[in-house]
Amino acid sequence: DFERFVSICKSRYGPGWGVQHRRAKLQEAASELKAFLVEWRLAREDPASGMVLLMPALGRVTGEYPAEFDEKLSADLAAKE
């Protein structure tokens, strides 16, 4: 389920998201991301099932947070455990 995927991403990387997306409700963030992916033809929604299908071109899109962000995030997660 696409919303569950966004939930996982938001809980893991949310601190690195812009204010608007951090503050958005999960449903709003998922809807906006889906609209973006569809507009850029990186995904499409199957009208019959409502399933979001990721297109092969999405596999070429990569990005990463700065090392400092990952280190801080890892330290924060370790402190919570």
N, C-alpha and C. Protein backbone atom coordinates (compact mmCIF):
# COMPACT_ATOMS: atom_id res chain seq x y z
N ASP A 1 0.85 -1.18 0.00
CA ASP A 1 0.00 0.00 0.00
C ASP A 1 0.90 1.25 0.00
N PHE A 2 0.61 2.15 -0.90
CA PHE A 2 1.45 3.33 -1.10
C PHE A 2 1.55 4.18 0.16
N GLU A 3 0.43 4.36 0.84
CA GLU A 3 0.42 5.17 2.05
C GLU A 3 1.32 4.56 3.13
N ARG A 4 1.35 3.26 3.22
CA ARG A 4 2.22 2.59 4.20
C ARG A 4 3.68 2.82 3.84
N PHE A 5 4.00 2.77 2.56
CA PHE A 5 5.36 3.05 2.08
C PHE A 5 5.78 4.47 2.48
N VAL A 6 4.89 5.44 2.27
CA VAL A 6 5.19 6.82 2.64
C VAL A 6 5.35 6.94 4.15
N SER A 7 4.54 6.22 4.90
CA SER A 7 4.64 6.23 6.36
C SER A 7 6.02 5.75 6.82
N ILE A 8 6.51 4.69 6.21
CA ILE A 8 7.83 4.17 6.55
C ILE A 8 8.91 5.20 6.23
N CYS A 9 8.81 5.81 5.05
CA CYS A 9 9.78 6.84 4.66
C CYS A 9 9.72 8.04 5.58
N LYS A 10 8.51 8.45 5.93
CA LYS A 10 8.35 9.63 6.79
C LYS A 10 8.90 9.37 8.19
N SER A 11 8.67 8.18 8.73
CA SER A 11 9.19 7.91 10.07
C SER A 11 10.71 7.78 10.05
N ARG A 12 11.28 7.31 8.96
CA ARG A 12 12.74 7.15 8.87
C ARG A 12 13.44 8.45 8.50
N TYR A 13 12.92 9.15 7.49
CA TYR A 13 13.61 10.32 6.95
C TYR A 13 12.89 11.64 7.17
N GLY A 14 11.75 11.61 7.84
CA GLY A 14 10.96 12.81 8.08
C GLY A 14 11.74 14.01 8.60
N PRO A 15 12.70 13.80 9.53
CA PRO A 15 13.46 14.95 10.02
C PRO A 15 14.23 15.69 8.92
N GLY A 16 14.48 15.04 7.81
CA GLY A 16 15.19 15.68 6.71
C GLY A 16 14.27 16.30 5.67
N TRP A 17 12.96 16.16 5.86
CA TRP A 17 11.99 16.71 4.92
C TRP A 17 11.78 18.18 5.20
N GLY A 18 11.28 18.89 4.20
CA GLY A 18 10.93 20.30 4.39
C GLY A 18 9.79 20.43 5.38
N VAL A 19 9.66 21.63 5.95
CA VAL A 19 8.65 21.87 6.99
C VAL A 19 7.25 21.49 6.53
N GLN A 20 6.89 21.87 5.31
CA GLN A 20 5.54 21.59 4.81
C GLN A 20 5.25 20.09 4.82
N HIS A 21 6.20 19.30 4.40
CA HIS A 21 5.98 17.85 4.33
C HIS A 21 6.09 17.19 5.70
N ARG A 22 6.95 17.72 6.56
CA ARG A 22 7.04 17.18 7.93
C ARG A 22 5.73 17.38 8.68
N ARG A 23 5.12 18.54 8.49
CA ARG A 23 3.89 18.87 9.22
C ARG A 23 2.64 18.28 8.60
N ALA A 24 2.73 17.85 7.34
CA ALA A 24 1.56 17.31 6.65
C ALA A 24 1.12 16.00 7.28
N LYS A 25 -0.17 15.78 7.28
CA LYS A 25 -0.69 14.48 7.70
C LYS A 25 -0.24 13.44 6.68
N LEU A 26 -0.16 12.21 7.13
CA LEU A 26 0.32 11.14 6.27
C LEU A 26 -0.46 11.07 4.96
N GLN A 27 -1.76 11.16 5.04
CA GLN A 27 -2.60 11.06 3.84
C GLN A 27 -2.29 12.20 2.87
N GLU A 28 -2.06 13.41 3.39
CA GLU A 28 -1.73 14.56 2.53
C GLU A 28 -0.37 14.36 1.86
N ALA A 29 0.61 13.92 2.64
CA ALA A 29 1.96 13.70 2.10
C ALA A 29 1.93 12.63 1.02
N ALA A 30 1.21 11.54 1.26
CA ALA A 30 1.13 10.45 0.29
C ALA A 30 0.43 10.92 -0.98
N SER A 31 -0.63 11.68 -0.83
CA SER A 31 -1.36 12.18 -1.99
C SER A 31 -0.50 13.12 -2.83
N GLU A 32 0.24 13.99 -2.17
CA GLU A 32 1.10 14.93 -2.89
C GLU A 32 2.24 14.20 -3.60
N LEU A 33 2.84 13.23 -2.92
CA LEU A 33 3.92 12.47 -3.53
C LEU A 33 3.41 11.68 -4.73
N LYS A 34 2.25 11.06 -4.58
CA LYS A 34 1.69 10.29 -5.68
C LYS A 34 1.41 11.20 -6.88
N ALA A 35 0.84 12.37 -6.64
CA ALA A 35 0.55 13.32 -7.72
C ALA A 35 1.84 13.72 -8.43
N PHE A 36 2.89 13.97 -7.66
CA PHE A 36 4.19 14.33 -8.24
C PHE A 36 4.72 13.19 -9.12
N LEU A 37 4.70 11.97 -8.58
CA LEU A 37 5.22 10.83 -9.33
C LEU A 37 4.42 10.59 -10.61
N VAL A 38 3.11 10.74 -10.55
CA VAL A 38 2.27 10.55 -11.74
C VAL A 38 2.54 11.66 -12.76
N GLU A 39 2.64 12.90 -12.27
CA GLU A 39 2.90 14.03 -13.18
C GLU A 39 4.22 13.85 -13.93
N TRP A 40 5.22 13.33 -13.26
CA TRP A 40 6.54 13.13 -13.87
C TRP A 40 6.65 11.76 -14.54
N ARG A 41 5.54 11.05 -14.60
CA ARG A 41 5.48 9.72 -15.23
C ARG A 41 6.44 8.72 -14.61
N LEU A 42 6.62 8.85 -13.31
CA LEU A 42 7.43 7.91 -12.56
C LEU A 42 6.55 6.86 -11.88
N ALA A 43 5.25 7.08 -11.94
CA ALA A 43 4.28 6.13 -11.39
C ALA A 43 2.96 6.36 -12.11
N ARG A 44 2.09 5.38 -11.98
CA ARG A 44 0.72 5.55 -12.46
C ARG A 44 -0.19 4.79 -11.51
N GLU A 45 -1.43 5.22 -11.46
CA GLU A 45 -2.39 4.56 -10.59
C GLU A 45 -3.32 3.72 -11.43
N ASP A 46 -3.44 2.45 -11.08
CA ASP A 46 -4.34 1.56 -11.80
C ASP A 46 -5.77 1.93 -11.42
N PRO A 47 -6.59 2.32 -12.41
CA PRO A 47 -7.95 2.77 -12.09
C PRO A 47 -8.83 1.67 -11.49
N ALA A 48 -8.60 0.44 -11.86
CA ALA A 48 -9.44 -0.65 -11.36
C ALA A 48 -9.14 -0.99 -9.90
N SER A 49 -7.86 -1.05 -9.57
CA SER A 49 -7.48 -1.48 -8.21
C SER A 49 -7.08 -0.34 -7.30
N GLY A 50 -6.74 0.82 -7.90
CA GLY A 50 -6.24 1.93 -7.09
C GLY A 50 -4.79 1.76 -6.71
N MET A 51 -4.17 0.68 -7.18
CA MET A 51 -2.77 0.40 -6.85
C MET A 51 -1.85 1.39 -7.57
N VAL A 52 -0.84 1.86 -6.86
CA VAL A 52 0.15 2.76 -7.46
C VAL A 52 1.26 1.89 -8.03
N LEU A 53 1.48 2.03 -9.32
CA LEU A 53 2.50 1.24 -10.01
C LEU A 53 3.70 2.13 -10.28
N LEU A 54 4.85 1.75 -9.74
CA LEU A 54 6.07 2.52 -9.96
C LEU A 54 6.66 2.14 -11.30
N MET A 55 7.06 3.14 -12.06
CA MET A 55 7.57 2.91 -13.40
C MET A 55 9.08 2.67 -13.35
N PRO A 56 9.63 1.95 -14.33
CA PRO A 56 11.07 1.65 -14.33
C PRO A 56 11.97 2.89 -14.24
N ALA A 57 11.54 4.00 -14.81
CA ALA A 57 12.37 5.22 -14.77
C ALA A 57 12.65 5.67 -13.35
N LEU A 58 11.78 5.35 -12.42
CA LEU A 58 11.99 5.74 -11.02
C LEU A 58 13.26 5.10 -10.46
N GLY A 59 13.62 3.95 -10.98
CA GLY A 59 14.83 3.27 -10.52
C GLY A 59 16.10 4.03 -10.83
N ARG A 60 16.03 4.97 -11.75
CA ARG A 60 17.20 5.77 -12.11
C ARG A 60 17.35 7.00 -11.21
N VAL A 61 16.33 7.29 -10.42
CA VAL A 61 16.35 8.46 -9.55
C VAL A 61 16.97 8.07 -8.22
N THR A 62 18.02 8.76 -7.85
CA THR A 62 18.66 8.49 -6.57
C THR A 62 18.92 9.79 -5.85
N GLY A 63 19.13 9.68 -4.60
CA GLY A 63 19.48 10.83 -3.78
C GLY A 63 19.93 10.33 -2.43
N GLU A 64 20.63 11.17 -1.75
CA GLU A 64 21.04 10.78 -0.41
C GLU A 64 21.18 12.02 0.44
N TYR A 65 21.01 11.81 1.72
CA TYR A 65 21.17 12.89 2.67
C TYR A 65 22.66 13.06 2.96
N PRO A 66 23.07 14.24 3.40
CA PRO A 66 24.48 14.43 3.78
C PRO A 66 24.87 13.45 4.89
N ALA A 67 26.14 13.10 4.94
CA ALA A 67 26.64 12.14 5.93
C ALA A 67 26.29 12.59 7.35
N GLU A 68 26.36 13.89 7.61
CA GLU A 68 26.06 14.40 8.95
C GLU A 68 24.61 14.08 9.35
N PHE A 69 23.71 14.18 8.39
CA PHE A 69 22.31 13.88 8.67
C PHE A 69 22.15 12.42 9.05
N ASP A 70 22.76 11.54 8.26
CA ASP A 70 22.67 10.10 8.54
C ASP A 70 23.28 9.76 9.89
N GLU A 71 24.42 10.38 10.22
CA GLU A 71 25.07 10.12 11.50
C GLU A 71 24.19 10.56 12.66
N LYS A 72 23.62 11.76 12.54
CA LYS A 72 22.75 12.28 13.60
C LYS A 72 21.50 11.42 13.74
N LEU A 73 20.91 11.03 12.61
CA LEU A 73 19.72 10.19 12.63
C LEU A 73 20.03 8.84 13.29
N SER A 74 21.16 8.26 12.95
CA SER A 74 21.55 6.98 13.56
C SER A 74 21.76 7.13 15.06
N ALA A 75 22.39 8.22 15.47
CA ALA A 75 22.62 8.46 16.90
C ALA A 75 21.30 8.66 17.63
N ASP A 76 20.37 9.40 17.01
CA ASP A 76 19.06 9.63 17.62
C ASP A 76 18.29 8.31 17.77
N LEU A 77 18.35 7.47 16.74
CA LEU A 77 17.66 6.18 16.80
C LEU A 77 18.27 5.28 17.87
N ALA A 78 19.59 5.28 17.98
CA ALA A 78 20.25 4.46 18.99
C ALA A 78 19.90 4.93 20.40
N ALA A 79 19.76 6.24 20.57
CA ALA A 79 19.42 6.79 21.88
C ALA A 79 18.00 6.39 22.30
N LYS A 80 17.12 6.21 21.32
CA LYS A 80 15.73 5.83 21.62
C LYS A 80 15.61 4.37 22.00
N GLU A 81 16.58 3.55 21.61
CA GLU A 81 16.52 2.10 21.88
C GLU A 81 16.95 1.77 23.24
